N, C-alpha and C. Protein backbone atom coordinates (compact mmCIF):
# COMPACT_ATOMS: atom_id res chain seq x y z
N UNK A 1 11.74 -2.47 -10.20
CA UNK A 1 11.58 -3.63 -9.33
C UNK A 1 12.83 -4.50 -9.46
N UNK A 2 13.31 -4.99 -8.33
CA UNK A 2 14.48 -5.84 -8.30
C UNK A 2 14.17 -7.15 -9.03
N UNK A 3 15.15 -7.63 -9.78
CA UNK A 3 14.99 -8.89 -10.51
C UNK A 3 14.71 -10.00 -9.51
N UNK A 4 13.76 -10.85 -9.84
CA UNK A 4 13.44 -11.98 -9.00
C UNK A 4 12.30 -11.76 -8.01
N UNK A 5 11.84 -10.53 -7.87
CA UNK A 5 10.77 -10.27 -6.90
C UNK A 5 9.48 -10.99 -7.29
N UNK A 6 9.15 -11.02 -8.57
CA UNK A 6 7.94 -11.74 -9.00
C UNK A 6 8.03 -13.22 -8.63
N UNK A 7 9.19 -13.81 -8.82
CA UNK A 7 9.37 -15.22 -8.49
C UNK A 7 9.25 -15.44 -6.98
N UNK A 8 9.77 -14.52 -6.19
CA UNK A 8 9.66 -14.62 -4.73
C UNK A 8 8.20 -14.53 -4.30
N UNK A 9 7.45 -13.60 -4.91
CA UNK A 9 6.02 -13.46 -4.60
C UNK A 9 5.28 -14.75 -4.96
N UNK A 10 5.57 -15.31 -6.14
CA UNK A 10 4.91 -16.55 -6.58
C UNK A 10 5.23 -17.70 -5.61
N UNK A 11 6.49 -17.82 -5.24
CA UNK A 11 6.89 -18.88 -4.31
C UNK A 11 6.14 -18.75 -2.99
N UNK A 12 6.04 -17.54 -2.48
CA UNK A 12 5.35 -17.28 -1.22
C UNK A 12 3.88 -17.67 -1.32
N UNK A 13 3.21 -17.22 -2.38
CA UNK A 13 1.78 -17.50 -2.54
C UNK A 13 1.51 -18.99 -2.71
N UNK A 14 2.29 -19.65 -3.54
CA UNK A 14 2.04 -21.07 -3.81
C UNK A 14 2.29 -21.94 -2.58
N UNK A 15 3.24 -21.53 -1.73
CA UNK A 15 3.54 -22.28 -0.51
C UNK A 15 2.71 -21.81 0.68
N UNK A 16 1.88 -20.75 0.47
CA UNK A 16 1.08 -20.15 1.55
C UNK A 16 1.99 -19.74 2.71
N UNK A 17 3.09 -19.08 2.35
CA UNK A 17 4.03 -18.55 3.35
C UNK A 17 3.95 -17.04 3.34
N UNK A 18 3.98 -16.44 4.51
CA UNK A 18 3.94 -14.98 4.63
C UNK A 18 5.14 -14.39 3.89
N UNK A 19 4.87 -13.30 3.20
CA UNK A 19 5.89 -12.58 2.43
C UNK A 19 6.23 -11.30 3.18
N UNK A 20 7.51 -10.99 3.28
CA UNK A 20 7.87 -9.68 3.83
C UNK A 20 8.46 -8.84 2.71
N UNK A 21 7.98 -7.59 2.65
CA UNK A 21 8.38 -6.70 1.56
C UNK A 21 8.83 -5.35 2.10
N UNK A 22 9.71 -4.73 1.35
CA UNK A 22 10.03 -3.32 1.56
C UNK A 22 9.28 -2.59 0.45
N UNK A 23 8.40 -1.70 0.84
CA UNK A 23 7.54 -0.98 -0.11
C UNK A 23 7.78 0.51 0.03
N UNK A 24 7.98 1.17 -1.09
CA UNK A 24 8.18 2.62 -1.11
C UNK A 24 6.86 3.28 -1.48
N UNK A 25 6.37 4.13 -0.59
CA UNK A 25 5.11 4.85 -0.83
C UNK A 25 5.31 5.90 -1.93
N UNK A 26 4.19 6.43 -2.44
CA UNK A 26 4.26 7.46 -3.49
C UNK A 26 5.09 8.66 -3.06
N UNK A 27 5.07 8.98 -1.76
CA UNK A 27 5.82 10.15 -1.28
C UNK A 27 7.29 9.83 -1.00
N UNK A 28 7.71 8.60 -1.29
CA UNK A 28 9.10 8.21 -1.10
C UNK A 28 9.42 7.61 0.26
N UNK A 29 8.44 7.58 1.15
CA UNK A 29 8.67 7.02 2.49
C UNK A 29 8.50 5.50 2.48
N UNK A 30 8.98 4.87 3.53
CA UNK A 30 8.84 3.43 3.70
C UNK A 30 8.61 3.12 5.17
N UNK A 31 7.78 2.13 5.45
CA UNK A 31 7.53 1.70 6.83
C UNK A 31 8.50 0.60 7.26
N UNK A 32 9.45 0.26 6.41
CA UNK A 32 10.32 -0.88 6.69
C UNK A 32 9.64 -2.16 6.23
N UNK A 33 10.03 -3.27 6.82
CA UNK A 33 9.44 -4.55 6.41
C UNK A 33 7.95 -4.57 6.71
N UNK A 34 7.18 -4.98 5.70
CA UNK A 34 5.74 -5.19 5.88
C UNK A 34 5.47 -6.66 5.62
N UNK A 35 4.64 -7.26 6.46
CA UNK A 35 4.35 -8.68 6.38
C UNK A 35 2.97 -8.85 5.75
N UNK A 36 2.94 -9.59 4.62
CA UNK A 36 1.71 -9.70 3.84
C UNK A 36 1.46 -11.14 3.40
N UNK A 37 0.18 -11.41 3.13
CA UNK A 37 -0.25 -12.68 2.55
C UNK A 37 -0.62 -12.40 1.09
N UNK A 38 0.17 -12.85 0.12
CA UNK A 38 -0.12 -12.53 -1.28
C UNK A 38 -1.28 -13.36 -1.85
N UNK A 39 -2.14 -12.68 -2.64
CA UNK A 39 -3.31 -13.35 -3.22
C UNK A 39 -3.41 -13.26 -4.73
N UNK A 40 -3.21 -12.08 -5.30
CA UNK A 40 -3.37 -11.98 -6.76
C UNK A 40 -2.62 -10.77 -7.30
N UNK A 41 -2.40 -10.82 -8.62
CA UNK A 41 -1.81 -9.69 -9.33
C UNK A 41 -2.93 -8.91 -10.02
N UNK A 42 -2.70 -7.64 -10.25
CA UNK A 42 -3.66 -6.83 -11.00
C UNK A 42 -2.89 -6.01 -12.02
N UNK A 43 -3.59 -5.60 -13.06
CA UNK A 43 -3.00 -4.76 -14.10
C UNK A 43 -4.02 -3.68 -14.43
N UNK A 44 -3.79 -2.49 -13.89
CA UNK A 44 -4.73 -1.39 -14.07
C UNK A 44 -4.01 -0.17 -14.62
N UNK A 45 -4.55 0.39 -15.68
CA UNK A 45 -4.01 1.62 -16.26
C UNK A 45 -2.50 1.56 -16.47
N UNK A 46 -2.03 0.43 -16.97
CA UNK A 46 -0.61 0.29 -17.27
C UNK A 46 0.26 0.00 -16.06
N UNK A 47 -0.33 -0.17 -14.87
CA UNK A 47 0.45 -0.43 -13.67
C UNK A 47 0.11 -1.82 -13.13
N UNK A 48 1.14 -2.58 -12.81
CA UNK A 48 0.94 -3.90 -12.23
C UNK A 48 0.96 -3.80 -10.72
N UNK A 49 0.09 -4.57 -10.08
CA UNK A 49 0.00 -4.51 -8.63
C UNK A 49 -0.14 -5.88 -8.01
N UNK A 50 0.02 -5.91 -6.70
CA UNK A 50 -0.15 -7.12 -5.92
C UNK A 50 -1.23 -6.86 -4.88
N UNK A 51 -2.26 -7.70 -4.87
CA UNK A 51 -3.25 -7.65 -3.81
C UNK A 51 -2.79 -8.62 -2.72
N UNK A 52 -2.66 -8.09 -1.51
CA UNK A 52 -2.18 -8.90 -0.39
C UNK A 52 -2.81 -8.41 0.90
N UNK A 53 -2.97 -9.32 1.85
CA UNK A 53 -3.47 -8.97 3.17
C UNK A 53 -2.29 -8.46 3.98
N UNK A 54 -2.37 -7.23 4.44
CA UNK A 54 -1.33 -6.64 5.28
C UNK A 54 -1.61 -7.06 6.72
N UNK A 55 -0.76 -7.89 7.27
CA UNK A 55 -1.00 -8.47 8.59
C UNK A 55 -1.04 -7.40 9.67
N UNK A 56 -0.11 -6.47 9.65
CA UNK A 56 -0.07 -5.45 10.70
C UNK A 56 -1.23 -4.47 10.61
N UNK A 57 -1.71 -4.19 9.40
CA UNK A 57 -2.81 -3.24 9.23
C UNK A 57 -4.17 -3.93 9.25
N UNK A 58 -4.17 -5.26 9.18
CA UNK A 58 -5.42 -6.00 9.28
C UNK A 58 -6.36 -5.79 8.12
N UNK A 59 -5.83 -5.68 6.90
CA UNK A 59 -6.70 -5.49 5.75
C UNK A 59 -6.00 -5.75 4.43
N UNK A 60 -6.82 -5.87 3.39
CA UNK A 60 -6.30 -6.09 2.05
C UNK A 60 -5.73 -4.78 1.51
N UNK A 61 -4.62 -4.86 0.82
CA UNK A 61 -3.97 -3.69 0.23
C UNK A 61 -3.52 -4.04 -1.18
N UNK A 62 -3.42 -2.99 -2.00
CA UNK A 62 -2.84 -3.16 -3.34
C UNK A 62 -1.49 -2.46 -3.36
N UNK A 63 -0.46 -3.23 -3.67
CA UNK A 63 0.89 -2.70 -3.72
C UNK A 63 1.34 -2.63 -5.17
N UNK A 64 1.82 -1.48 -5.61
CA UNK A 64 2.38 -1.35 -6.96
C UNK A 64 3.66 -2.18 -7.01
N UNK A 65 3.75 -3.07 -8.00
CA UNK A 65 4.93 -3.92 -8.10
C UNK A 65 6.20 -3.10 -8.30
N UNK A 66 6.08 -1.97 -8.97
CA UNK A 66 7.24 -1.12 -9.21
C UNK A 66 7.81 -0.52 -7.93
N UNK A 67 7.01 -0.46 -6.88
CA UNK A 67 7.48 0.16 -5.64
C UNK A 67 7.85 -0.87 -4.56
N UNK A 68 7.80 -2.16 -4.91
CA UNK A 68 8.32 -3.20 -4.02
C UNK A 68 9.81 -3.34 -4.35
N UNK A 69 10.66 -2.96 -3.42
CA UNK A 69 12.10 -2.94 -3.71
C UNK A 69 12.84 -4.14 -3.13
N UNK A 70 12.21 -4.88 -2.24
CA UNK A 70 12.82 -6.09 -1.71
C UNK A 70 11.70 -7.00 -1.22
N UNK A 71 11.94 -8.30 -1.27
CA UNK A 71 10.94 -9.28 -0.83
C UNK A 71 11.64 -10.54 -0.39
N UNK A 72 11.10 -11.15 0.67
CA UNK A 72 11.62 -12.42 1.17
C UNK A 72 10.45 -13.28 1.65
N UNK A 73 10.56 -14.58 1.41
CA UNK A 73 9.58 -15.54 1.91
C UNK A 73 9.97 -15.86 3.35
N UNK A 74 8.99 -15.79 4.26
CA UNK A 74 9.26 -16.16 5.65
C UNK A 74 8.89 -17.62 5.86
N UNK A 75 9.11 -18.12 7.05
CA UNK A 75 8.72 -19.50 7.38
C UNK A 75 7.30 -19.58 7.92
N UNK A 76 6.66 -18.43 8.16
CA UNK A 76 5.30 -18.41 8.70
C UNK A 76 4.29 -18.72 7.60
N UNK A 77 3.36 -19.62 7.91
CA UNK A 77 2.32 -19.98 6.94
C UNK A 77 1.05 -19.19 7.22
N UNK A 78 0.15 -19.17 6.23
CA UNK A 78 -1.15 -18.52 6.42
C UNK A 78 -2.25 -19.36 5.82
N UNK A 79 -3.45 -19.20 6.36
CA UNK A 79 -4.64 -19.84 5.82
C UNK A 79 -5.32 -18.84 4.89
N UNK A 80 -5.79 -19.33 3.75
CA UNK A 80 -6.39 -18.45 2.75
C UNK A 80 -7.58 -17.66 3.31
N UNK A 81 -7.55 -16.37 3.12
CA UNK A 81 -8.71 -15.51 3.39
C UNK A 81 -9.51 -15.31 2.11
N UNK A 82 -8.80 -15.42 0.99
CA UNK A 82 -9.36 -15.28 -0.36
C UNK A 82 -8.75 -16.36 -1.22
N UNK A 83 -9.25 -16.52 -2.43
CA UNK A 83 -8.62 -17.46 -3.36
C UNK A 83 -7.25 -16.93 -3.75
N UNK A 84 -6.25 -17.80 -3.66
CA UNK A 84 -4.90 -17.44 -4.10
C UNK A 84 -4.86 -17.66 -5.60
N UNK A 85 -4.62 -16.59 -6.34
CA UNK A 85 -4.65 -16.65 -7.81
C UNK A 85 -3.27 -16.51 -8.44
N UNK A 86 -2.25 -16.61 -7.63
CA UNK A 86 -0.87 -16.48 -8.13
C UNK A 86 -0.31 -17.85 -8.35
């Protein structure tokens, strides 16, 4: 994971601003920028993850932090769908 991505995720969540990420799937593919609303971190079986609402897919997703290779805070705000725990 690129240095600073955790801080970018925290900034996005605390300001309720949409986060855009580049995420690498297990098979090595990427959909390009994905726009998400960050809600919480998870730690399962030695892997850290981010639970976020994927705006384009219309649902909650868990993203492995190790496979988020870039992240930026956008200017778009969001209303909480869940408790923001970040």
